[in-house]
PDB file of N, CA and C in Angstrom:
ATOM      1  N   UNK A   1       0.837  -1.163   0.000  1.00  0.00           N
ATOM      2  CA  UNK A   1       0.000   0.000   0.000  1.00  0.00           C
ATOM      3  C   UNK A   1       0.892   1.239   0.000  1.00  0.00           C
ATOM      4  N   UNK A   2       0.538   2.196  -0.807  1.00  0.00           N
ATOM      5  CA  UNK A   2       1.323   3.414  -0.914  1.00  0.00           C
ATOM      6  C   UNK A   2       0.824   4.414   0.120  1.00  0.00           C
ATOM      7  N   UNK A   3       1.749   4.951   0.892  1.00  0.00           N
ATOM      8  CA  UNK A   3       1.382   5.963   1.884  1.00  0.00           C
ATOM      9  C   UNK A   3       1.209   7.303   1.198  1.00  0.00           C
ATOM     10  N   UNK A   4       0.069   7.930   1.424  1.00  0.00           N
ATOM     11  CA  UNK A   4      -0.192   9.248   0.864  1.00  0.00           C
ATOM     12  C   UNK A   4      -0.699  10.155   1.966  1.00  0.00           C
ATOM     13  N   UNK A   5      -0.289  11.388   1.908  1.00  0.00           N
ATOM     14  CA  UNK A   5      -0.746  12.370   2.882  1.00  0.00           C
ATOM     15  C   UNK A   5      -1.825  13.230   2.241  1.00  0.00           C
ATOM     16  N   UNK A   6      -2.934  13.379   2.931  1.00  0.00           N
ATOM     17  CA  UNK A   6      -4.045  14.185   2.443  1.00  0.00           C
ATOM     18  C   UNK A   6      -4.282  15.326   3.422  1.00  0.00           C
ATOM     19  N   UNK A   7      -4.654  16.469   2.880  1.00  0.00           N
ATOM     20  CA  UNK A   7      -4.969  17.596   3.747  1.00  0.00           C
ATOM     21  C   UNK A   7      -6.369  17.391   4.335  1.00  0.00           C
ATOM     22  N   UNK A   8      -6.648  18.144   5.377  1.00  0.00           N
ATOM     23  CA  UNK A   8      -7.967  18.059   6.012  1.00  0.00           C
ATOM     24  C   UNK A   8      -9.042  18.462   5.014  1.00  0.00           C
ATOM     25  N   UNK A   9      -8.778  19.487   4.207  1.00  0.00           N
ATOM     26  CA  UNK A   9      -9.745  19.934   3.210  1.00  0.00           C
ATOM     27  C   UNK A   9     -10.051  18.834   2.194  1.00  0.00           C
ATOM     28  N   UNK A  10      -9.029  18.096   1.766  1.00  0.00           N
ATOM     29  CA  UNK A  10      -9.255  17.007   0.808  1.00  0.00           C
ATOM     30  C   UNK A  10     -10.104  15.902   1.426  1.00  0.00           C
ATOM     31  N   UNK A  11      -9.848  15.596   2.670  1.00  0.00           N
ATOM     32  CA  UNK A  11     -10.612  14.549   3.355  1.00  0.00           C
ATOM     33  C   UNK A  11     -12.066  14.980   3.531  1.00  0.00           C
ATOM     34  N   UNK A  12     -12.277  16.225   3.975  1.00  0.00           N
ATOM     35  CA  UNK A  12     -13.636  16.727   4.169  1.00  0.00           C
ATOM     36  C   UNK A  12     -14.386  16.804   2.843  1.00  0.00           C
ATOM     37  N   UNK A  13     -13.693  17.171   1.789  1.00  0.00           N
ATOM     38  CA  UNK A  13     -14.314  17.224   0.472  1.00  0.00           C
ATOM     39  C   UNK A  13     -14.753  15.829   0.023  1.00  0.00           C
ATOM     40  N   UNK A  14     -13.913  14.836   0.268  1.00  0.00           N
ATOM     41  CA  UNK A  14     -14.249  13.460  -0.093  1.00  0.00           C
ATOM     42  C   UNK A  14     -15.450  12.961   0.705  1.00  0.00           C
ATOM     43  N   UNK A  15     -15.502  13.304   1.990  1.00  0.00           N
ATOM     44  CA  UNK A  15     -16.631  12.897   2.835  1.00  0.00           C
ATOM     45  C   UNK A  15     -17.915  13.546   2.325  1.00  0.00           C
ATOM     46  N   UNK A  16     -17.853  14.831   1.963  1.00  0.00           N
ATOM     47  CA  UNK A  16     -19.027  15.525   1.414  1.00  0.00           C
ATOM     48  C   UNK A  16     -19.517  14.856   0.134  1.00  0.00           C
ATOM     49  N   UNK A  17     -18.593  14.484  -0.739  1.00  0.00           N
ATOM     50  CA  UNK A  17     -18.972  13.811  -1.985  1.00  0.00           C
ATOM     51  C   UNK A  17     -19.692  12.504  -1.701  1.00  0.00           C
ATOM     52  N   UNK A  18     -19.178  11.732  -0.759  1.00  0.00           N
ATOM     53  CA  UNK A  18     -19.798  10.443  -0.409  1.00  0.00           C
ATOM     54  C   UNK A  18     -21.197  10.668   0.149  1.00  0.00           C
ATOM     55  N   UNK A  19     -21.344  11.648   1.046  1.00  0.00           N
ATOM     56  CA  UNK A  19     -22.653  11.914   1.639  1.00  0.00           C
ATOM     57  C   UNK A  19     -23.645  12.389   0.586  1.00  0.00           C
ATOM     58  N   UNK A  20     -23.211  13.218  -0.345  1.00  0.00           N
ATOM     59  CA  UNK A  20     -24.100  13.701  -1.398  1.00  0.00           C
ATOM     60  C   UNK A  20     -24.538  12.569  -2.313  1.00  0.00           C
ATOM     61  N   UNK A  21     -23.644  11.647  -2.604  1.00  0.00           N
ATOM     62  CA  UNK A  21     -24.012  10.501  -3.444  1.00  0.00           C
ATOM     63  C   UNK A  21     -25.049   9.638  -2.744  1.00  0.00           C
ATOM     64  N   UNK A  22     -24.889   9.429  -1.432  1.00  0.00           N
ATOM     65  CA  UNK A  22     -25.855   8.637  -0.679  1.00  0.00           C
ATOM     66  C   UNK A  22     -27.224   9.305  -0.703  1.00  0.00           C
ATOM     67  N   UNK A  23     -27.258  10.644  -0.566  1.00  0.00           N
ATOM     68  CA  UNK A  23     -28.525  11.372  -0.587  1.00  0.00           C
ATOM     69  C   UNK A  23     -29.176  11.254  -1.957  1.00  0.00           C
ATOM     70  N   UNK A  24     -28.369  11.332  -3.032  1.00  0.00           N
ATOM     71  CA  UNK A  24     -28.906  11.222  -4.378  1.00  0.00           C
ATOM     72  C   UNK A  24     -29.508   9.847  -4.601  1.00  0.00           C
ATOM     73  N   UNK A  25     -28.834   8.812  -4.134  1.00  0.00           N
ATOM     74  CA  UNK A  25     -29.332   7.453  -4.312  1.00  0.00           C
ATOM     75  C   UNK A  25     -30.643   7.271  -3.565  1.00  0.00           C
ATOM     76  N   UNK A  26     -30.714   7.779  -2.337  1.00  0.00           N
ATOM     77  CA  UNK A  26     -31.947   7.666  -1.551  1.00  0.00           C
ATOM     78  C   UNK A  26     -33.089   8.421  -2.211  1.00  0.00           C
ATOM     79  N   UNK A  27     -32.818   9.614  -2.718  1.00  0.00           N
ATOM     80  CA  UNK A  27     -33.886  10.386  -3.349  1.00  0.00           C
ATOM     81  C   UNK A  27     -34.314   9.752  -4.662  1.00  0.00           C
ATOM     82  N   UNK A  28     -33.379   9.146  -5.397  1.00  0.00           N
ATOM     83  CA  UNK A  28     -33.736   8.460  -6.637  1.00  0.00           C
ATOM     84  C   UNK A  28     -34.605   7.245  -6.359  1.00  0.00           C
ATOM     85  N   UNK A  29     -34.301   6.534  -5.312  1.00  0.00           N
ATOM     86  CA  UNK A  29     -35.102   5.363  -4.950  1.00  0.00           C
ATOM     87  C   UNK A  29     -36.512   5.803  -4.570  1.00  0.00           C
ATOM     88  N   UNK A  30     -36.610   6.873  -3.819  1.00  0.00           N
ATOM     89  CA  UNK A  30     -37.920   7.349  -3.372  1.00  0.00           C
ATOM     90  C   UNK A  30     -38.772   7.828  -4.539  1.00  0.00           C
ATOM     91  N   UNK A  31     -38.159   8.413  -5.554  1.00  0.00           N
ATOM     92  CA  UNK A  31     -38.942   8.941  -6.667  1.00  0.00           C
ATOM     93  C   UNK A  31     -39.232   7.891  -7.721  1.00  0.00           C
ATOM     94  N   UNK A  32     -38.437   6.827  -7.792  1.00  0.00           N
ATOM     95  CA  UNK A  32     -38.652   5.837  -8.841  1.00  0.00           C
ATOM     96  C   UNK A  32     -39.606   4.725  -8.428  1.00  0.00           C
ATOM     97  N   UNK A  33     -39.788   4.502  -7.144  1.00  0.00           N
ATOM     98  CA  UNK A  33     -40.692   3.443  -6.704  1.00  0.00           C
ATOM     99  C   UNK A  33     -42.134   3.933  -6.801  1.00  0.00           C
ATOM    100  N   UNK A  34     -42.967   3.217  -7.544  1.00  0.00           N
ATOM    101  CA  UNK A  34     -44.365   3.640  -7.643  1.00  0.00           C
ATOM    102  C   UNK A  34     -45.086   3.403  -6.306  1.00  0.00           C
ATOM    103  N   UNK A  35     -45.942   4.323  -5.983  1.00  0.00           N
ATOM    104  CA  UNK A  35     -46.709   4.195  -4.746  1.00  0.00           C
ATOM    105  C   UNK A  35     -48.024   3.525  -5.088  1.00  0.00           C
ATOM    106  N   UNK A  36     -48.235   2.369  -4.497  1.00  0.00           N
ATOM    107  CA  UNK A  36     -49.464   1.629  -4.755  1.00  0.00           C
ATOM    108  C   UNK A  36     -50.449   1.956  -3.648  1.00  0.00           C
ATOM    109  N   UNK A  37     -51.567   2.512  -4.029  1.00  0.00           N
ATOM    110  CA  UNK A  37     -52.569   2.927  -3.050  1.00  0.00           C
ATOM    111  C   UNK A  37     -53.703   1.907  -3.021  1.00  0.00           C
ATOM    112  N   UNK A  38     -54.108   1.565  -1.819  1.00  0.00           N
ATOM    113  CA  UNK A  38     -55.190   0.607  -1.638  1.00  0.00           C
ATOM    114  C   UNK A  38     -56.423   1.350  -1.135  1.00  0.00           C
ATOM    115  N   UNK A  39     -57.394   1.497  -2.025  1.00  0.00           N
ATOM    116  CA  UNK A  39     -58.631   2.185  -1.673  1.00  0.00           C
ATOM    117  C   UNK A  39     -59.800   1.206  -1.602  1.00  0.00           C
ATOM    118  N   UNK A  40     -59.534  -0.050  -1.341  1.00  0.00           N
ATOM    119  CA  UNK A  40     -60.581  -1.062  -1.390  1.00  0.00           C
ATOM    120  C   UNK A  40     -61.683  -0.847  -0.341  1.00  0.00           C
ATOM    121  N   UNK A  41     -61.342  -0.233   0.779  1.00  0.00           N
ATOM    122  CA  UNK A  41     -62.345  -0.055   1.829  1.00  0.00           C
ATOM    123  C   UNK A  41     -62.922   1.361   1.863  1.00  0.00           C
ATOM    124  N   UNK A  42     -62.567   2.186   0.891  1.00  0.00           N
ATOM    125  CA  UNK A  42     -63.027   3.578   0.868  1.00  0.00           C
ATOM    126  C   UNK A  42     -64.282   3.674  -0.002  1.00  0.00           C
ATOM    127  N   UNK A  43     -65.297   4.364   0.474  1.00  0.00           N
ATOM    128  CA  UNK A  43     -66.514   4.529  -0.334  1.00  0.00           C
ATOM    129  C   UNK A  43     -66.205   5.232  -1.663  1.00  0.00           C
ATOM    130  N   UNK A  44     -67.001   4.936  -2.694  1.00  0.00           N
ATOM    131  CA  UNK A  44     -66.739   5.465  -4.034  1.00  0.00           C
ATOM    132  C   UNK A  44     -66.787   6.981  -4.087  1.00  0.00           C
ATOM    133  N   UNK A  45     -67.727   7.617  -3.370  1.00  0.00           N
ATOM    134  CA  UNK A  45     -67.797   9.076  -3.422  1.00  0.00           C
ATOM    135  C   UNK A  45     -66.551   9.705  -2.789  1.00  0.00           C
ATOM    136  N   UNK A  46     -65.985   9.029  -1.814  1.00  0.00           N
ATOM    137  CA  UNK A  46     -64.748   9.513  -1.203  1.00  0.00           C
ATOM    138  C   UNK A  46     -63.583   9.348  -2.167  1.00  0.00           C
ATOM    139  N   UNK A  47     -63.576   8.256  -2.913  1.00  0.00           N
ATOM    140  CA  UNK A  47     -62.535   8.040  -3.915  1.00  0.00           C
ATOM    141  C   UNK A  47     -62.534   9.168  -4.940  1.00  0.00           C
ATOM    142  N   UNK A  48     -63.711   9.576  -5.347  1.00  0.00           N
ATOM    143  CA  UNK A  48     -63.816  10.651  -6.330  1.00  0.00           C
ATOM    144  C   UNK A  48     -63.220  11.937  -5.763  1.00  0.00           C
ATOM    145  N   UNK A  49     -63.480  12.236  -4.516  1.00  0.00           N
ATOM    146  CA  UNK A  49     -62.927  13.424  -3.878  1.00  0.00           C
ATOM    147  C   UNK A  49     -61.396  13.353  -3.788  1.00  0.00           C
ATOM    148  N   UNK A  50     -60.893  12.175  -3.489  1.00  0.00           N
ATOM    149  CA  UNK A  50     -59.437  11.977  -3.415  1.00  0.00           C
ATOM    150  C   UNK A  50     -58.804  12.195  -4.775  1.00  0.00           C
ATOM    151  N   UNK A  51     -59.407  11.628  -5.815  1.00  0.00           N
ATOM    152  CA  UNK A  51     -58.886  11.775  -7.177  1.00  0.00           C
ATOM    153  C   UNK A  51     -58.883  13.241  -7.597  1.00  0.00           C
ATOM    154  N   UNK A  52     -59.938  13.955  -7.291  1.00  0.00           N
ATOM    155  CA  UNK A  52     -60.009  15.370  -7.629  1.00  0.00           C
ATOM    156  C   UNK A  52     -58.937  16.172  -6.879  1.00  0.00           C
ATOM    157  N   UNK A  53     -58.714  15.831  -5.642  1.00  0.00           N
ATOM    158  CA  UNK A  53     -57.697  16.521  -4.851  1.00  0.00           C
ATOM    159  C   UNK A  53     -56.303  16.262  -5.417  1.00  0.00           C
ATOM    160  N   UNK A  54     -56.039  15.032  -5.839  1.00  0.00           N
ATOM    161  CA  UNK A  54     -54.739  14.697  -6.407  1.00  0.00           C
ATOM    162  C   UNK A  54     -54.508  15.419  -7.729  1.00  0.00           C
ATOM    163  N   UNK A  55     -55.551  15.634  -8.496  1.00  0.00           N
ATOM    164  CA  UNK A  55     -55.420  16.324  -9.769  1.00  0.00           C
ATOM    165  C   UNK A  55     -55.091  17.804  -9.576  1.00  0.00           C
ATOM    166  N   UNK A  56     -55.560  18.378  -8.481  1.00  0.00           N
ATOM    167  CA  UNK A  56     -55.337  19.810  -8.253  1.00  0.00           C
ATOM    168  C   UNK A  56     -53.999  20.113  -7.588  1.00  0.00           C
ATOM    169  N   UNK A  57     -53.225  19.105  -7.236  1.00  0.00           N
ATOM    170  CA  UNK A  57     -51.910  19.319  -6.592  1.00  0.00           C
ATOM    171  C   UNK A  57     -51.008  20.122  -7.481  1.00  0.00           C
TER     172      UNK A  57
END
């Protein structure tokens, strides 16, 4: 193994890069997974209200 000396700024920069990549991966996972909603027990008139509310977002 080759010994290398790194400055504190280089180390902190590398840590920031790693943390940002982890955040990007987590946010990508959250946005790519489809949300499956189960409205089987909700009355139909309530479903219509929910659909209308989602359209106005």
